[in-house]
Amino acid sequence: MQTENPNRPAAPALALASRRTVVLGTGAGALAAVFGKLGSPALAQAAIPVRVTEAIHLGMYVSVYAAKHGGFFRKHGLDVTVSSAGGIALAVPVVLSGNASFAVTGAGMSVNAANEGAKLVNVAKIVGGVAMWAVAKPGSPIKAIGDFRGKTIATLRYPSSTIQTPTFAMKERGGFEPDKAGVRFLQLPNGAQAQAVLDGRADVATMFEWDVSISKQQFNLEPVFSFSDIIGPLSWTTAMVKRDLIDKDPKLVQAFCDAIAEAQAALHADGNELFVKSSVAEFSQVSEAVIRSAADNLLRRSSAIPKNPTISKAEWEADMAFELAGGAIRTTRPYEEMVDNGFAERATAKVGRPS
């Protein structure tokens, strides 16, 4: 994961349609039950202010937004403010400086910080799979990783996950070097990838949501390949804290993880309505139709949105291999040093849903 903002529609080629006004009632039974249990006014008054810094504003960080707009943070006594640091590597310094308690960013950033002497611990999984797709014109021959041979891929400018992810997939899953196989990366400004496919400069473009659904609705481009399917589950994005916060205020860390666990369970149980409500609140420039399409991709057609926040050793090691191969980290660090899974495990047990 690198320093880009794939959700900001910065170019006219991907201008966003105005969203419809969304009015959500209590039609989703799961949400109604949850909201009925939210804290009293007294709890709201006693809520502890907590700052969360996210790398960039991304639809796949919906676990955090659902915890906020679904009332789960408030339920657990937290008044959470979320702000974007402006880059994958920039969220960690905000936490290290004391200007936020939790950083939500690529797990590899905690490793880079640890290599420089920082004491950071990963406590919750926020994104559990590579939420990236390749989009192309209808009838594209690209169906498998080997089909990328000899193709031009429209991407964001380096450094970017839109380059790192297909490179890793081709090397580690496809067994071939992109450059030797004639693969060319056409690096473009944010918002210009779809146009490059439309005018024939590129065979395919690698994208996050919301851009995948925007490209489908506005330009009739289709998602033809999911990198999540070939790469598999990993702790792609985590919530991390300074180790001294765990020592000083473990109840705060537990409350945060409890809220995330409940939000993730609700996201998978309520028929996309919490996803839509939270995303509309956070991304007012994105149409509801695009958000609903993205909900299916992120929740139903990938492992991006976890069912619970636990971080397994296998997921950590898979992410380390991914980050190392893509150049985001230079060395790995062990699970036992970098992850405290106890908070997420307790939170998951309280929710009572299977992993």
Protein backbone atom coordinates (compact mmCIF):
# COMPACT_ATOMS: atom_id res chain seq x y z
CA MET A 1 0.00 0.00 0.00
CA GLN A 2 1.31 3.38 -0.92
CA THR A 3 0.55 7.08 -0.86
CA GLU A 4 -2.40 7.68 -3.11
CA ASN A 5 -6.00 8.78 -2.73
CA PRO A 6 -7.96 6.65 -5.18
CA ASN A 7 -11.33 7.93 -4.02
CA ARG A 8 -10.96 11.63 -4.68
CA PRO A 9 -12.36 12.33 -8.18
CA ALA A 10 -9.59 14.73 -9.18
CA ALA A 11 -10.06 14.63 -12.95
CA PRO A 12 -13.09 15.32 -15.17
CA ALA A 13 -12.77 11.82 -16.67
CA LEU A 14 -14.22 10.42 -13.47
CA ALA A 15 -16.54 13.26 -12.46
CA LEU A 16 -19.00 11.99 -9.91
CA ALA A 17 -22.76 12.14 -10.24
CA SER A 18 -24.60 14.03 -7.55
CA ARG A 19 -25.86 11.62 -4.93
CA ARG A 20 -29.50 11.23 -4.06
CA THR A 21 -30.72 12.13 -0.62
CA VAL A 22 -30.70 8.97 1.46
CA VAL A 23 -33.22 8.45 4.21
CA LEU A 24 -32.62 5.31 6.24
CA GLY A 25 -35.28 4.13 8.61
CA THR A 26 -35.25 1.09 10.83
CA GLY A 27 -36.05 -1.40 8.10
CA ALA A 28 -32.93 -3.47 8.74
CA GLY A 29 -33.74 -5.58 11.74
CA ALA A 30 -30.16 -5.94 12.81
CA LEU A 31 -29.64 -2.18 12.82
CA ALA A 32 -32.84 -1.55 14.70
CA ALA A 33 -31.78 -3.96 17.38
CA VAL A 34 -28.36 -2.41 17.60
CA PHE A 35 -29.57 1.18 17.72
CA GLY A 36 -32.08 0.25 20.41
CA LYS A 37 -29.17 -0.70 22.65
CA LEU A 38 -27.16 2.47 22.23
CA GLY A 39 -26.13 4.39 25.29
CA SER A 40 -28.21 6.91 27.20
CA PRO A 41 -27.68 10.70 27.13
CA ALA A 42 -25.64 10.30 30.28
CA LEU A 43 -23.29 7.95 28.43
CA ALA A 44 -23.07 10.39 25.54
CA GLN A 45 -22.07 13.18 27.93
CA ALA A 46 -19.42 10.96 29.48
CA ALA A 47 -17.96 9.84 26.15
CA ILE A 48 -14.17 10.08 25.96
CA PRO A 49 -12.80 12.15 23.05
CA VAL A 50 -10.61 9.96 20.87
CA ARG A 51 -8.78 10.92 17.69
CA VAL A 52 -8.23 8.41 14.89
CA THR A 53 -5.92 9.24 12.00
CA GLU A 54 -6.47 7.35 8.75
CA ALA A 55 -3.97 7.21 5.94
CA ILE A 56 -6.38 8.56 3.35
CA HIS A 57 -10.15 8.67 3.02
CA LEU A 58 -11.03 5.28 1.52
CA GLY A 59 -14.28 3.38 1.07
CA MET A 60 -12.60 0.18 2.23
CA TYR A 61 -12.06 1.76 5.68
CA VAL A 62 -15.81 1.44 6.20
CA SER A 63 -15.34 -0.53 9.43
CA VAL A 64 -14.27 2.72 11.10
CA TYR A 65 -17.04 4.79 9.50
CA ALA A 66 -19.68 2.18 10.42
CA ALA A 67 -18.47 2.20 14.03
CA LYS A 68 -18.91 5.96 14.01
CA HIS A 69 -22.18 6.41 12.13
CA GLY A 70 -23.74 3.21 13.44
CA GLY A 71 -23.28 4.45 16.99
CA PHE A 72 -20.89 1.72 18.10
CA PHE A 73 -18.12 4.04 19.25
CA ARG A 74 -20.64 6.05 21.23
CA LYS A 75 -22.11 2.87 22.68
CA HIS A 76 -18.70 2.02 24.11
CA GLY A 77 -18.16 5.47 25.57
CA LEU A 78 -16.00 6.97 22.84
CA ASP A 79 -16.49 10.26 21.00
CA VAL A 80 -14.36 9.52 17.96
CA THR A 81 -13.04 12.07 15.46
CA VAL A 82 -11.54 10.66 12.26
CA SER A 83 -9.16 12.70 10.13
CA SER A 84 -6.99 11.82 7.16
CA ALA A 85 -3.23 12.16 7.37
CA GLY A 86 -2.86 12.48 3.61
CA GLY A 87 -0.73 9.42 2.90
CA ILE A 88 -0.07 5.83 3.87
CA ALA A 89 3.19 6.71 5.60
CA LEU A 90 1.82 9.83 7.30
CA ALA A 91 -0.69 8.36 9.76
CA VAL A 92 1.96 6.78 11.99
CA PRO A 93 3.78 10.07 12.75
CA VAL A 94 0.45 11.57 13.86
CA VAL A 95 0.13 8.85 16.50
CA LEU A 96 3.79 8.98 17.49
CA SER A 97 3.50 12.73 18.02
CA GLY A 98 0.55 12.24 20.36
CA ASN A 99 -1.95 13.94 18.06
CA ALA A 100 -4.06 10.78 17.69
CA SER A 101 -4.51 7.58 19.67
CA PHE A 102 -5.11 5.19 16.76
CA ALA A 103 -3.65 5.06 13.27
CA VAL A 104 -5.49 3.23 10.49
CA THR A 105 -3.07 2.46 7.68
CA GLY A 106 -1.07 -0.29 6.02
CA ALA A 107 0.33 -2.77 8.53
CA GLY A 108 3.75 -2.41 6.97
CA MET A 109 3.95 1.17 8.18
CA SER A 110 4.13 -0.09 11.77
CA VAL A 111 7.08 -2.25 10.74
CA ASN A 112 8.89 0.69 9.17
CA ALA A 113 8.31 2.69 12.34
CA ALA A 114 9.53 -0.16 14.52
CA ASN A 115 12.68 -0.42 12.42
CA GLU A 116 13.35 3.20 13.40
CA GLY A 117 12.82 2.56 17.09
CA ALA A 118 9.10 3.28 17.57
CA LYS A 119 6.96 1.06 19.78
CA LEU A 120 3.77 0.40 17.85
CA VAL A 121 1.32 -2.47 18.18
CA ASN A 122 -1.35 -3.62 15.72
CA VAL A 123 -4.60 -4.29 17.59
CA ALA A 124 -7.37 -4.66 14.97
CA LYS A 125 -7.80 -5.66 11.34
CA ILE A 126 -9.59 -2.99 9.29
CA VAL A 127 -9.08 -4.36 5.76
CA GLY A 128 -8.60 -8.10 5.36
CA GLY A 129 -7.92 -8.47 1.66
CA VAL A 130 -6.54 -6.59 -1.33
CA ALA A 131 -9.54 -4.48 -2.36
CA MET A 132 -8.41 -3.89 -5.92
CA TRP A 133 -9.78 -4.88 -9.30
CA ALA A 134 -8.67 -4.72 -12.91
CA VAL A 135 -11.29 -3.11 -15.16
CA ALA A 136 -11.49 -3.36 -18.94
CA LYS A 137 -13.88 -3.02 -21.86
CA PRO A 138 -16.59 -5.67 -22.27
CA GLY A 139 -15.21 -8.76 -23.95
CA SER A 140 -11.72 -8.38 -22.49
CA PRO A 141 -9.63 -11.57 -22.71
CA ILE A 142 -8.18 -10.97 -19.24
CA LYS A 143 -9.55 -13.63 -16.91
CA ALA A 144 -6.46 -14.97 -15.11
CA ILE A 145 -3.15 -13.57 -13.91
CA GLY A 146 -1.30 -15.02 -16.90
CA ASP A 147 -3.49 -12.98 -19.23
CA PHE A 148 -1.68 -9.80 -18.12
CA ARG A 149 1.35 -10.84 -20.18
CA GLY A 150 2.04 -8.30 -22.92
CA LYS A 151 -0.65 -5.93 -21.67
CA THR A 152 -0.56 -2.23 -20.78
CA ILE A 153 -1.99 -1.47 -17.34
CA ALA A 154 -3.20 2.03 -16.49
CA THR A 155 -2.25 2.86 -12.89
CA LEU A 156 -1.75 5.74 -10.52
CA ARG A 157 1.72 7.21 -10.35
CA TYR A 158 4.43 5.40 -8.41
CA PRO A 159 4.56 4.75 -5.51
CA SER A 160 1.13 3.19 -5.64
CA SER A 161 -0.70 0.00 -4.70
CA THR A 162 -2.12 0.01 -8.23
CA ILE A 163 1.41 -0.93 -9.36
CA GLN A 164 2.56 -2.86 -6.29
CA THR A 165 -0.44 -5.20 -6.23
CA PRO A 166 -0.36 -6.48 -9.83
CA THR A 167 3.43 -6.72 -9.66
CA PHE A 168 3.19 -8.93 -6.57
CA ALA A 169 0.42 -11.03 -8.11
CA MET A 170 2.36 -11.63 -11.32
CA LYS A 171 5.61 -12.48 -9.54
CA GLU A 172 4.36 -14.47 -6.58
CA ARG A 173 1.18 -16.04 -7.95
CA GLY A 174 1.73 -16.01 -11.70
CA GLY A 175 5.41 -16.97 -11.57
CA PHE A 176 6.63 -14.40 -14.08
CA GLU A 177 8.41 -11.04 -14.05
CA PRO A 178 6.19 -8.28 -15.47
CA ASP A 179 8.90 -6.51 -17.46
CA LYS A 180 10.18 -9.75 -19.01
CA ALA A 181 6.60 -10.68 -19.91
CA GLY A 182 6.06 -7.41 -21.77
CA VAL A 183 3.83 -5.82 -19.15
CA ARG A 184 3.82 -2.02 -19.28
CA PHE A 185 2.53 0.26 -16.52
CA LEU A 186 1.01 3.48 -17.83
CA GLN A 187 1.27 5.81 -14.84
CA LEU A 188 -1.36 8.56 -14.81
CA PRO A 189 -2.87 11.19 -12.51
CA ASN A 190 -5.76 10.18 -10.28
CA GLY A 191 -8.97 9.88 -12.31
CA ALA A 192 -7.36 9.29 -15.71
CA GLN A 193 -7.16 5.49 -15.72
CA ALA A 194 -10.63 4.80 -17.17
CA GLN A 195 -10.09 7.16 -20.08
CA ALA A 196 -6.84 5.42 -20.95
CA VAL A 197 -8.74 2.14 -21.30
CA LEU A 198 -11.53 3.76 -23.29
CA ASP A 199 -9.19 5.35 -25.84
CA GLY A 200 -7.02 2.25 -26.20
CA ARG A 201 -3.84 3.49 -24.55
CA ALA A 202 -4.21 0.73 -21.95
CA ASP A 203 -5.73 -2.74 -22.07
CA VAL A 204 -6.81 -2.66 -18.45
CA ALA A 205 -6.72 -0.39 -15.39
CA THR A 206 -6.12 -1.32 -11.76
CA MET A 207 -8.51 0.47 -9.38
CA PHE A 208 -9.97 0.68 -5.90
CA GLU A 209 -13.57 1.40 -5.11
CA TRP A 210 -15.25 3.83 -5.69
CA ASP A 211 -13.52 4.08 -9.07
CA VAL A 212 -14.45 0.51 -10.07
CA SER A 213 -18.18 1.17 -9.76
CA ILE A 214 -17.90 4.66 -11.27
CA SER A 215 -16.13 3.20 -14.30
CA LYS A 216 -18.86 0.60 -14.71
CA GLN A 217 -21.76 3.01 -14.43
CA GLN A 218 -20.34 5.94 -16.37
CA PHE A 219 -18.08 4.27 -18.94
CA ASN A 220 -19.37 0.68 -19.26
CA LEU A 221 -16.05 -0.76 -18.13
CA GLU A 222 -16.22 -4.08 -16.31
CA PRO A 223 -14.26 -5.51 -13.38
CA VAL A 224 -12.58 -8.49 -15.03
CA PHE A 225 -10.14 -9.60 -12.35
CA SER A 226 -10.12 -9.45 -8.54
CA PHE A 227 -6.67 -9.40 -6.97
CA SER A 228 -8.19 -10.46 -3.66
CA ASP A 229 -9.07 -13.82 -5.20
CA ILE A 230 -5.50 -14.65 -6.14
CA ILE A 231 -3.64 -13.04 -3.23
CA GLY A 232 -5.93 -14.28 -0.47
CA PRO A 233 -6.57 -13.00 3.07
CA LEU A 234 -4.01 -10.79 4.79
CA SER A 235 -3.89 -7.98 7.32
CA TRP A 236 -3.72 -5.30 4.63
CA THR A 237 -4.85 -2.42 6.83
CA THR A 238 -4.81 -2.37 10.62
CA ALA A 239 -5.49 -0.09 13.56
CA MET A 240 -2.30 0.48 15.52
CA VAL A 241 -1.41 2.24 18.75
CA LYS A 242 1.66 3.13 20.74
CA ARG A 243 2.60 0.40 23.17
CA ASP A 244 2.43 2.80 26.10
CA LEU A 245 -1.28 3.43 25.41
CA ILE A 246 -1.92 -0.27 25.92
CA ASP A 247 -0.02 -0.10 29.20
CA LYS A 248 -1.68 3.10 30.41
CA ASP A 249 -5.25 2.68 29.17
CA PRO A 250 -6.11 -0.86 28.05
CA LYS A 251 -9.83 -0.13 28.59
CA LEU A 252 -9.69 2.53 25.88
CA VAL A 253 -8.07 0.12 23.43
CA GLN A 254 -10.64 -2.53 24.31
CA ALA A 255 -13.54 -0.13 23.80
CA PHE A 256 -12.20 0.80 20.36
CA CYS A 257 -11.86 -2.86 19.34
CA ASP A 258 -15.30 -3.68 20.76
CA ALA A 259 -16.85 -0.99 18.56
CA ILE A 260 -14.98 -2.17 15.46
CA ALA A 261 -16.01 -5.79 16.07
CA GLU A 262 -19.68 -4.85 16.40
CA ALA A 263 -19.53 -2.65 13.31
CA GLN A 264 -17.93 -5.38 11.21
CA ALA A 265 -20.49 -7.94 12.32
CA ALA A 266 -23.32 -5.52 11.49
CA LEU A 267 -21.85 -4.72 8.07
CA HIS A 268 -22.07 -8.39 7.13
CA ALA A 269 -25.52 -8.92 8.66
CA ASP A 270 -27.73 -6.04 7.58
CA GLY A 271 -27.99 -6.29 3.80
CA ASN A 272 -25.59 -3.43 2.98
CA GLU A 273 -27.65 -0.69 4.66
CA LEU A 274 -25.07 0.19 7.32
CA PHE A 275 -22.42 0.28 4.59
CA VAL A 276 -24.58 2.66 2.55
CA LYS A 277 -25.51 4.88 5.50
CA SER A 278 -21.91 5.21 6.69
CA SER A 279 -20.44 5.72 3.22
CA VAL A 280 -23.03 8.33 2.21
CA ALA A 281 -22.21 10.24 5.39
CA GLU A 282 -18.47 10.14 4.68
CA PHE A 283 -18.46 10.54 0.88
CA SER A 284 -21.15 13.06 0.03
CA GLN A 285 -19.72 13.52 -3.48
CA VAL A 286 -20.31 9.86 -4.39
CA SER A 287 -23.71 8.80 -5.71
CA GLU A 288 -25.75 6.28 -3.77
CA ALA A 289 -25.85 4.02 -6.84
CA VAL A 290 -22.06 3.86 -6.90
CA ILE A 291 -21.94 3.19 -3.15
CA ARG A 292 -24.44 0.34 -3.45
CA SER A 293 -22.44 -1.23 -6.27
CA ALA A 294 -19.26 -0.88 -4.24
CA ALA A 295 -20.95 -2.50 -1.24
CA ASP A 296 -21.46 -5.67 -3.23
CA ASN A 297 -17.85 -5.68 -4.41
CA LEU A 298 -16.33 -4.97 -1.01
CA LEU A 299 -18.65 -7.04 1.16
CA ARG A 300 -19.75 -9.89 -1.09
CA ARG A 301 -17.09 -10.28 -3.79
CA SER A 302 -13.86 -9.87 -1.83
CA SER A 303 -12.37 -10.41 1.60
CA ALA A 304 -11.76 -6.67 2.01
CA ILE A 305 -14.18 -6.01 4.88
CA PRO A 306 -13.42 -8.40 7.75
CA LYS A 307 -16.13 -10.24 9.66
CA ASN A 308 -14.16 -9.55 12.82
CA PRO A 309 -11.02 -7.56 13.70
CA THR A 310 -8.74 -10.41 14.76
CA ILE A 311 -5.31 -10.63 13.12
CA SER A 312 -4.03 -14.16 12.66
CA LYS A 313 -0.37 -15.03 12.36
CA ALA A 314 -1.01 -16.35 8.85
CA GLU A 315 -2.63 -13.06 7.81
CA TRP A 316 0.26 -11.08 9.25
CA GLU A 317 2.88 -13.21 7.50
CA ALA A 318 0.95 -13.02 4.21
CA ASP A 319 0.92 -9.24 4.48
CA MET A 320 4.61 -9.13 5.29
CA ALA A 321 5.37 -11.12 2.13
CA PHE A 322 3.13 -8.81 0.12
CA GLU A 323 4.64 -5.61 1.54
CA LEU A 324 8.19 -6.89 1.16
CA ALA A 325 7.72 -7.99 -2.46
CA GLY A 326 6.04 -4.70 -3.33
CA GLY A 327 8.77 -2.59 -1.75
CA ALA A 328 6.67 -0.99 1.00
CA ILE A 329 8.97 -2.46 3.66
CA ARG A 330 12.61 -3.48 3.55
CA THR A 331 12.49 -6.06 6.34
CA THR A 332 9.74 -7.90 8.15
CA ARG A 333 9.12 -8.16 11.88
CA PRO A 334 7.51 -11.07 13.72
CA TYR A 335 3.85 -11.37 14.59
CA GLU A 336 4.61 -11.86 18.27
CA GLU A 337 6.36 -8.49 18.43
CA MET A 338 4.00 -6.43 16.29
CA VAL A 339 0.50 -7.75 17.06
CA ASP A 340 -1.55 -7.86 20.26
CA ASN A 341 -4.54 -9.92 19.19
CA GLY A 342 -6.09 -10.14 22.65
CA PHE A 343 -8.24 -7.03 22.35
CA ALA A 344 -9.73 -8.14 19.03
CA GLU A 345 -10.28 -11.69 20.27
CA ARG A 346 -12.17 -10.47 23.34
CA ALA A 347 -14.21 -8.08 21.22
CA THR A 348 -15.10 -10.84 18.76
CA ALA A 349 -16.13 -13.18 21.57
CA LYS A 350 -18.47 -10.49 22.94
CA VAL A 351 -20.19 -10.16 19.56
CA GLY A 352 -20.66 -13.91 19.51
CA ARG A 353 -20.34 -14.37 15.78
CA PRO A 354 -18.20 -17.02 14.05
CA SER A 355 -14.89 -15.93 12.60
